[in-house]
């Protein structure tokens, strides 16, 4: 997918160092180990019915990584549910559509697998992210008290309907 000067694509092994470097530089990003990201790339979203599938997507400008997103699919078809696990965009590329494009690409991946919806958790104090998700069509459906640590903060649960006819 190409939009506004950047390109969104599935990550490859050659992207792992850049993903880790970016993730480590963003304090609000979940900090996973290299093996976690490598497992997503090696698995390439494959899985059996009822298993967990994951995707790692990257956004780049002229070959330079500017953002990434991780999606997860549990189960398949209308019984399956997608989760937007992580979205990170470098500071210089924020507010330029990269985060939105990454979220939409994860939603499209889940939709292709037949998911009825895509869910996420976001810090209650992260108003910019909440506005981004709401602009895509996510709606708040709940709250988890004290979900995040360092600092302790509630999570807003949000959901995007992907295949409303299947609900």
Protein backbone atom coordinates (compact mmCIF):
# COMPACT_ATOMS: atom_id res chain seq x y z
CA UNK A 1 0.00 0.00 0.00
CA UNK A 2 1.43 3.42 -0.92
CA UNK A 3 0.04 6.59 0.65
CA UNK A 4 1.33 10.18 1.05
CA UNK A 5 4.96 9.38 0.30
CA UNK A 6 5.27 6.26 2.43
CA UNK A 7 4.81 2.59 1.71
CA UNK A 8 3.27 -0.04 4.05
CA UNK A 9 4.32 -3.67 3.61
CA UNK A 10 4.84 -6.92 5.48
CA UNK A 11 8.11 -6.89 7.42
CA UNK A 12 10.98 -9.19 6.56
CA UNK A 13 13.97 -10.38 8.56
CA UNK A 14 15.95 -7.41 7.21
CA UNK A 15 13.56 -5.05 9.05
CA UNK A 16 13.99 -6.51 12.55
CA UNK A 17 16.93 -4.35 13.63
CA UNK A 18 15.11 -1.19 12.56
CA UNK A 19 11.88 -2.25 14.29
CA UNK A 20 13.77 -2.95 17.52
CA UNK A 21 15.68 0.33 17.34
CA UNK A 22 12.47 2.30 16.77
CA UNK A 23 10.57 0.43 19.47
CA UNK A 24 13.35 1.03 22.02
CA UNK A 25 13.31 4.73 21.20
CA UNK A 26 9.57 5.13 21.91
CA UNK A 27 8.86 4.95 25.62
CA UNK A 28 5.14 4.23 25.16
CA UNK A 29 5.69 1.27 22.83
CA UNK A 30 5.47 -2.25 24.26
CA UNK A 31 9.02 -3.54 24.55
CA UNK A 32 9.25 -7.06 23.19
CA UNK A 33 12.31 -9.18 22.58
CA UNK A 34 13.89 -9.69 19.19
CA UNK A 35 12.77 -13.34 19.23
CA UNK A 36 9.13 -12.21 19.51
CA UNK A 37 9.37 -10.07 16.38
CA UNK A 38 11.44 -12.69 14.54
CA UNK A 39 8.79 -15.31 15.31
CA UNK A 40 6.14 -13.13 13.68
CA UNK A 41 8.23 -12.64 10.55
CA UNK A 42 9.18 -16.32 10.28
CA UNK A 43 5.56 -17.39 10.85
CA UNK A 44 4.37 -14.95 8.15
CA UNK A 45 0.87 -14.97 9.65
CA UNK A 46 0.43 -18.71 9.15
CA UNK A 47 -1.49 -20.84 11.60
CA UNK A 48 -4.04 -23.60 11.88
CA UNK A 49 -7.74 -23.03 12.55
CA UNK A 50 -8.09 -21.97 16.16
CA UNK A 51 -4.46 -20.93 16.46
CA UNK A 52 -2.94 -17.50 16.78
CA UNK A 53 -1.67 -15.74 13.65
CA UNK A 54 0.33 -12.52 13.77
CA UNK A 55 1.57 -9.96 11.30
CA UNK A 56 4.31 -7.36 11.49
CA UNK A 57 3.87 -4.50 9.05
CA UNK A 58 6.28 -1.65 8.43
CA UNK A 59 5.96 1.80 6.91
CA UNK A 60 8.90 3.26 5.04
CA UNK A 61 9.85 6.39 3.17
CA UNK A 62 12.56 6.00 0.54
CA UNK A 63 13.73 2.77 2.17
CA UNK A 64 13.82 4.26 5.70
CA UNK A 65 11.61 2.73 8.40
CA UNK A 66 9.20 5.31 9.85
CA UNK A 67 6.69 3.06 11.64
CA UNK A 68 5.47 -0.43 12.33
CA UNK A 69 2.41 -2.28 13.61
CA UNK A 70 1.72 -5.73 15.01
CA UNK A 71 -1.61 -7.45 14.52
CA UNK A 72 -2.90 -10.70 15.94
CA UNK A 73 -5.72 -12.97 14.86
CA UNK A 74 -7.12 -15.57 17.23
CA UNK A 75 -9.20 -18.19 15.43
CA UNK A 76 -10.50 -17.87 11.91
CA UNK A 77 -13.61 -16.62 10.20
CA UNK A 78 -16.53 -15.04 12.02
CA UNK A 79 -15.43 -16.78 15.23
CA UNK A 80 -12.02 -15.12 15.00
CA UNK A 81 -11.10 -11.82 16.58
CA UNK A 82 -8.30 -9.49 15.59
CA UNK A 83 -6.17 -7.47 17.94
CA UNK A 84 -4.05 -4.44 17.12
CA UNK A 85 -1.20 -5.20 19.51
CA UNK A 86 1.17 -2.36 18.76
CA UNK A 87 1.57 0.69 16.56
CA UNK A 88 4.70 2.84 16.64
CA UNK A 89 5.62 5.82 14.45
CA UNK A 90 8.85 7.78 14.71
CA UNK A 91 8.37 11.30 16.05
CA UNK A 92 9.23 13.04 12.75
CA UNK A 93 6.58 11.06 10.84
CA UNK A 94 3.68 11.50 13.26
CA UNK A 95 0.50 13.26 12.16
CA UNK A 96 1.29 12.43 8.54
CA UNK A 97 -1.03 9.44 8.10
CA UNK A 98 1.51 6.70 8.86
CA UNK A 99 -0.21 5.48 12.02
CA UNK A 100 -3.60 5.50 10.33
CA UNK A 101 -2.28 3.57 7.32
CA UNK A 102 -0.64 0.97 9.58
CA UNK A 103 -3.86 0.51 11.59
CA UNK A 104 -5.90 0.20 8.41
CA UNK A 105 -3.43 -2.34 7.01
CA UNK A 106 -3.77 -4.50 10.16
CA UNK A 107 -7.56 -4.18 9.88
CA UNK A 108 -7.42 -5.28 6.23
CA UNK A 109 -5.25 -8.28 7.17
CA UNK A 110 -7.76 -9.33 9.86
CA UNK A 111 -10.69 -8.72 7.50
CA UNK A 112 -9.07 -11.00 4.89
CA UNK A 113 -8.92 -13.74 7.54
CA UNK A 114 -12.65 -13.22 8.15
CA UNK A 115 -12.54 -11.51 11.55
CA UNK A 116 -15.74 -9.82 12.62
CA UNK A 117 -13.85 -7.22 14.64
CA UNK A 118 -10.51 -5.74 15.62
CA UNK A 119 -9.81 -4.84 19.25
CA UNK A 120 -7.12 -2.88 21.08
CA UNK A 121 -6.17 -1.42 24.43
CA UNK A 122 -4.81 2.13 24.72
CA UNK A 123 -3.68 4.18 27.71
CA UNK A 124 -6.52 6.41 28.88
CA UNK A 125 -4.11 9.36 28.85
CA UNK A 126 -2.99 8.83 25.24
CA UNK A 127 -5.55 11.19 23.72
CA UNK A 128 -3.74 11.41 20.36
CA UNK A 129 -3.96 7.63 19.90
CA UNK A 130 -7.58 7.51 21.05
CA UNK A 131 -8.45 10.20 18.49
CA UNK A 132 -6.55 8.32 15.77
CA UNK A 133 -8.43 5.09 16.52
CA UNK A 134 -11.80 6.86 16.75
CA UNK A 135 -11.13 8.52 13.38
CA UNK A 136 -10.68 5.08 11.83
CA UNK A 137 -13.96 3.89 13.33
CA UNK A 138 -12.97 2.24 16.61
CA UNK A 139 -15.40 2.79 19.48
CA UNK A 140 -14.72 2.55 23.21
CA UNK A 141 -16.30 -0.61 24.60
CA UNK A 142 -14.78 -0.86 28.06
CA UNK A 143 -12.02 -0.02 30.47
CA UNK A 144 -9.39 -2.04 32.35
CA UNK A 145 -8.44 -0.45 35.66
CA UNK A 146 -4.69 -0.27 36.36
CA UNK A 147 -3.86 -2.23 33.19
CA UNK A 148 -0.62 -0.37 32.44
CA UNK A 149 2.40 0.07 34.69
CA UNK A 150 5.18 2.67 34.76
CA UNK A 151 3.07 4.71 35.25
CA UNK A 152 0.00 2.83 36.42
CA UNK A 153 -2.85 3.82 34.15
CA UNK A 154 -6.19 2.47 32.98
CA UNK A 155 -6.67 1.06 29.49
CA UNK A 156 -9.54 2.03 27.22
CA UNK A 157 -10.77 -1.00 25.27
CA UNK A 158 -11.77 -0.16 21.71
CA UNK A 159 -13.29 -2.19 18.89
CA UNK A 160 -13.65 -1.76 15.14
CA UNK A 161 -16.33 -3.80 13.36
CA UNK A 162 -14.74 -5.35 10.27
CA UNK A 163 -17.42 -7.56 8.80
CA UNK A 164 -20.69 -6.28 10.33
CA UNK A 165 -22.80 -8.70 8.27
CA UNK A 166 -21.11 -11.61 10.06
CA UNK A 167 -22.02 -10.40 13.57
